[in-house]
Amino acid sequence: MANGKIISQTRNLLEVALLDAQSATSTGAWIEVPAHLNLWSVTTTNLEEGATDALVDIHVSNAESKPADATAGEDTWVKLTNVATAVLSNEGIGGYKYVKAVKTAGTTPIATTVIFRAMPSR
């Protein structure tokens, strides 16, 4: 599966592999999130074995059209440093339209998978 690949999509759920077994540094792939899906969560697998210098940043954007994948986000929604889950209402961070994961590889890079889920908050 490629980065940014949709795993499941219904009217009330969007599930995407923002990163899929990504070992090296990656600028990620932007995905568009429907506005009514405003409760977001991300879950990541291990970033490194025996090191703590790899990071995954979840970038967000409100650009009029989908940004190029190499383009950084307007904001960083959350920084992930190891196995983690983050949940946040998109309403509370400005109602962003696009999301992607950016990985910085560490000294002992391993495959990292980041799953993004969006659903209605009400």
C-alpha atoms as a PDB file:
ATOM      1  CA  MET A   1       0.000   0.000   0.000  1.00  0.00           C
ATOM      2  CA  ALA A   2       1.286   3.500  -0.766  1.00  0.00           C
ATOM      3  CA  ASN A   3       1.465   6.494   1.580  1.00  0.00           C
ATOM      4  CA  GLY A   4      -1.887   8.305   1.551  1.00  0.00           C
ATOM      5  CA  LYS A   5      -3.787   5.166   0.509  1.00  0.00           C
ATOM      6  CA  ILE A   6      -7.434   5.014   1.611  1.00  0.00           C
ATOM      7  CA  ILE A   7      -8.121   1.903   3.690  1.00  0.00           C
ATOM      8  CA  SER A   8     -11.837   2.514   4.232  1.00  0.00           C
ATOM      9  CA  GLN A   9     -14.250   5.304   3.372  1.00  0.00           C
ATOM     10  CA  THR A  10     -17.934   5.671   4.164  1.00  0.00           C
ATOM     11  CA  ARG A  11     -20.085   8.738   4.778  1.00  0.00           C
ATOM     12  CA  ASN A  12     -19.087   8.761   8.477  1.00  0.00           C
ATOM     13  CA  LEU A  13     -15.561   7.325   8.453  1.00  0.00           C
ATOM     14  CA  LEU A  14     -12.331   7.924   6.587  1.00  0.00           C
ATOM     15  CA  GLU A  15      -9.393   5.650   7.371  1.00  0.00           C
ATOM     16  CA  VAL A  16      -6.075   6.257   5.582  1.00  0.00           C
ATOM     17  CA  ALA A  17      -2.521   4.932   5.827  1.00  0.00           C
ATOM     18  CA  LEU A  18      -0.718   8.283   5.939  1.00  0.00           C
ATOM     19  CA  LEU A  19       2.545   6.339   6.050  1.00  0.00           C
ATOM     20  CA  ASP A  20       2.677   2.676   5.104  1.00  0.00           C
ATOM     21  CA  ALA A  21       5.757   0.770   6.311  1.00  0.00           C
ATOM     22  CA  GLN A  22       7.883   3.860   5.659  1.00  0.00           C
ATOM     23  CA  SER A  23      11.521   3.255   6.670  1.00  0.00           C
ATOM     24  CA  ALA A  24      13.250   6.276   5.184  1.00  0.00           C
ATOM     25  CA  THR A  25      12.529   9.975   5.482  1.00  0.00           C
ATOM     26  CA  SER A  26       9.287  10.893   3.695  1.00  0.00           C
ATOM     27  CA  THR A  27       7.501  14.159   2.910  1.00  0.00           C
ATOM     28  CA  GLY A  28       4.209  12.234   2.923  1.00  0.00           C
ATOM     29  CA  ALA A  29       1.133  12.475   0.716  1.00  0.00           C
ATOM     30  CA  TRP A  30      -1.687  14.979   1.247  1.00  0.00           C
ATOM     31  CA  ILE A  31      -5.231  13.676   1.637  1.00  0.00           C
ATOM     32  CA  GLU A  32      -8.424  15.711   1.617  1.00  0.00           C
ATOM     33  CA  VAL A  33     -10.733  15.216   4.592  1.00  0.00           C
ATOM     34  CA  PRO A  34     -14.469  15.950   4.173  1.00  0.00           C
ATOM     35  CA  ALA A  35     -15.502  18.889   6.409  1.00  0.00           C
ATOM     36  CA  HIS A  36     -18.138  16.944   8.389  1.00  0.00           C
ATOM     37  CA  LEU A  37     -15.477  14.450   9.572  1.00  0.00           C
ATOM     38  CA  ASN A  38     -14.067  16.717  12.254  1.00  0.00           C
ATOM     39  CA  LEU A  39     -12.888  14.283  14.948  1.00  0.00           C
ATOM     40  CA  TRP A  40      -9.413  13.130  13.941  1.00  0.00           C
ATOM     41  CA  SER A  41      -7.103  10.499  15.364  1.00  0.00           C
ATOM     42  CA  VAL A  42      -3.731   9.097  14.354  1.00  0.00           C
ATOM     43  CA  THR A  43      -1.988   5.960  15.538  1.00  0.00           C
ATOM     44  CA  THR A  44       1.636   5.095  14.806  1.00  0.00           C
ATOM     45  CA  THR A  45       3.736   1.974  15.144  1.00  0.00           C
ATOM     46  CA  ASN A  46       7.303   2.100  16.498  1.00  0.00           C
ATOM     47  CA  LEU A  47       9.491   4.789  14.972  1.00  0.00           C
ATOM     48  CA  GLU A  48      12.879   3.397  15.986  1.00  0.00           C
ATOM     49  CA  GLU A  49      14.465   0.469  17.749  1.00  0.00           C
ATOM     50  CA  GLY A  50      16.871   1.646  20.418  1.00  0.00           C
ATOM     51  CA  ALA A  51      16.861   5.275  19.307  1.00  0.00           C
ATOM     52  CA  THR A  52      14.564   8.221  19.853  1.00  0.00           C
ATOM     53  CA  ASP A  53      15.579  10.585  17.092  1.00  0.00           C
ATOM     54  CA  ALA A  54      12.953   9.700  14.479  1.00  0.00           C
ATOM     55  CA  LEU A  55       9.855  11.884  14.378  1.00  0.00           C
ATOM     56  CA  VAL A  56       6.543  11.866  12.580  1.00  0.00           C
ATOM     57  CA  ASP A  57       4.846  15.242  12.231  1.00  0.00           C
ATOM     58  CA  ILE A  58       1.208  15.388  11.183  1.00  0.00           C
ATOM     59  CA  HIS A  59       0.894  18.430   8.931  1.00  0.00           C
ATOM     60  CA  VAL A  60      -2.380  20.209   8.142  1.00  0.00           C
ATOM     61  CA  SER A  61      -3.337  22.726   5.485  1.00  0.00           C
ATOM     62  CA  ASN A  62      -6.289  24.845   4.410  1.00  0.00           C
ATOM     63  CA  ALA A  63      -4.959  25.579   0.921  1.00  0.00           C
ATOM     64  CA  GLU A  64      -7.594  26.243  -1.744  1.00  0.00           C
ATOM     65  CA  SER A  65      -6.400  23.233  -3.716  1.00  0.00           C
ATOM     66  CA  LYS A  66      -4.475  20.142  -2.700  1.00  0.00           C
ATOM     67  CA  PRO A  67      -0.813  21.087  -2.074  1.00  0.00           C
ATOM     68  CA  ALA A  68       2.045  19.245  -3.757  1.00  0.00           C
ATOM     69  CA  ASP A  69       3.230  16.374  -1.556  1.00  0.00           C
ATOM     70  CA  ALA A  70       6.647  18.037  -1.116  1.00  0.00           C
ATOM     71  CA  THR A  71       4.968  21.173   0.307  1.00  0.00           C
ATOM     72  CA  ALA A  72       5.064  21.540   4.106  1.00  0.00           C
ATOM     73  CA  GLY A  73       1.825  22.167   5.958  1.00  0.00           C
ATOM     74  CA  GLU A  74       0.664  25.519   7.289  1.00  0.00           C
ATOM     75  CA  ASP A  75       0.707  24.007  10.743  1.00  0.00           C
ATOM     76  CA  THR A  76       1.861  20.885  12.602  1.00  0.00           C
ATOM     77  CA  TRP A  77      -1.162  19.267  14.234  1.00  0.00           C
ATOM     78  CA  VAL A  78       0.802  16.817  16.374  1.00  0.00           C
ATOM     79  CA  LYS A  79       4.351  15.446  16.760  1.00  0.00           C
ATOM     80  CA  LEU A  80       4.692  11.703  17.313  1.00  0.00           C
ATOM     81  CA  THR A  81       7.906  10.381  18.840  1.00  0.00           C
ATOM     82  CA  ASN A  82       7.106   6.698  19.410  1.00  0.00           C
ATOM     83  CA  VAL A  83       4.139   4.325  19.551  1.00  0.00           C
ATOM     84  CA  ALA A  84       1.330   6.792  20.105  1.00  0.00           C
ATOM     85  CA  THR A  85      -2.285   7.680  19.541  1.00  0.00           C
ATOM     86  CA  ALA A  86      -3.465  11.285  19.293  1.00  0.00           C
ATOM     87  CA  VAL A  87      -7.103  12.383  19.143  1.00  0.00           C
ATOM     88  CA  LEU A  88      -8.256  15.934  18.526  1.00  0.00           C
ATOM     89  CA  SER A  89     -11.322  17.708  17.231  1.00  0.00           C
ATOM     90  CA  ASN A  90     -10.501  19.337  13.908  1.00  0.00           C
ATOM     91  CA  GLU A  91     -12.899  22.145  14.888  1.00  0.00           C
ATOM     92  CA  GLY A  92     -10.498  23.029  17.691  1.00  0.00           C
ATOM     93  CA  ILE A  93      -7.542  23.422  15.322  1.00  0.00           C
ATOM     94  CA  GLY A  94      -9.177  25.532  12.629  1.00  0.00           C
ATOM     95  CA  GLY A  95     -11.174  23.092  10.513  1.00  0.00           C
ATOM     96  CA  TYR A  96      -8.315  22.017   8.260  1.00  0.00           C
ATOM     97  CA  LYS A  97      -9.040  20.481   4.873  1.00  0.00           C
ATOM     98  CA  TYR A  98      -5.853  18.476   4.171  1.00  0.00           C
ATOM     99  CA  VAL A  99      -3.621  16.241   6.306  1.00  0.00           C
ATOM    100  CA  LYS A 100      -0.364  14.291   5.784  1.00  0.00           C
ATOM    101  CA  ALA A 101       2.375  12.596   7.809  1.00  0.00           C
ATOM    102  CA  VAL A 102       6.033  13.609   7.431  1.00  0.00           C
ATOM    103  CA  LYS A 103       8.711  11.210   8.725  1.00  0.00           C
ATOM    104  CA  THR A 104      12.244  12.089   9.696  1.00  0.00           C
ATOM    105  CA  ALA A 105      14.294   8.897   9.764  1.00  0.00           C
ATOM    106  CA  GLY A 106      16.518   8.262  12.736  1.00  0.00           C
ATOM    107  CA  THR A 107      19.819   6.468  13.144  1.00  0.00           C
ATOM    108  CA  THR A 108      18.244   3.003  12.976  1.00  0.00           C
ATOM    109  CA  PRO A 109      15.236   3.460  10.713  1.00  0.00           C
ATOM    110  CA  ILE A 110      12.491   0.852  10.796  1.00  0.00           C
ATOM    111  CA  ALA A 111       9.201   0.597   8.937  1.00  0.00           C
ATOM    112  CA  THR A 112       6.625   2.978  10.406  1.00  0.00           C
ATOM    113  CA  THR A 113       2.911   2.895   9.707  1.00  0.00           C
ATOM    114  CA  VAL A 114       0.649   5.818  10.608  1.00  0.00           C
ATOM    115  CA  ILE A 115      -3.109   5.297  10.420  1.00  0.00           C
ATOM    116  CA  PHE A 116      -5.380   8.354  10.282  1.00  0.00           C
ATOM    117  CA  ARG A 117      -9.091   8.155  11.112  1.00  0.00           C
ATOM    118  CA  ALA A 118     -11.706  10.874  10.780  1.00  0.00           C
ATOM    119  CA  MET A 119     -15.346  10.731  11.851  1.00  0.00           C
ATOM    120  CA  PRO A 120     -18.108  13.153  12.861  1.00  0.00           C
ATOM    121  CA  SER A 121     -17.799  14.527  16.383  1.00  0.00           C
ATOM    122  CA  ARG A 122     -21.559  14.577  16.927  1.00  0.00           C
END
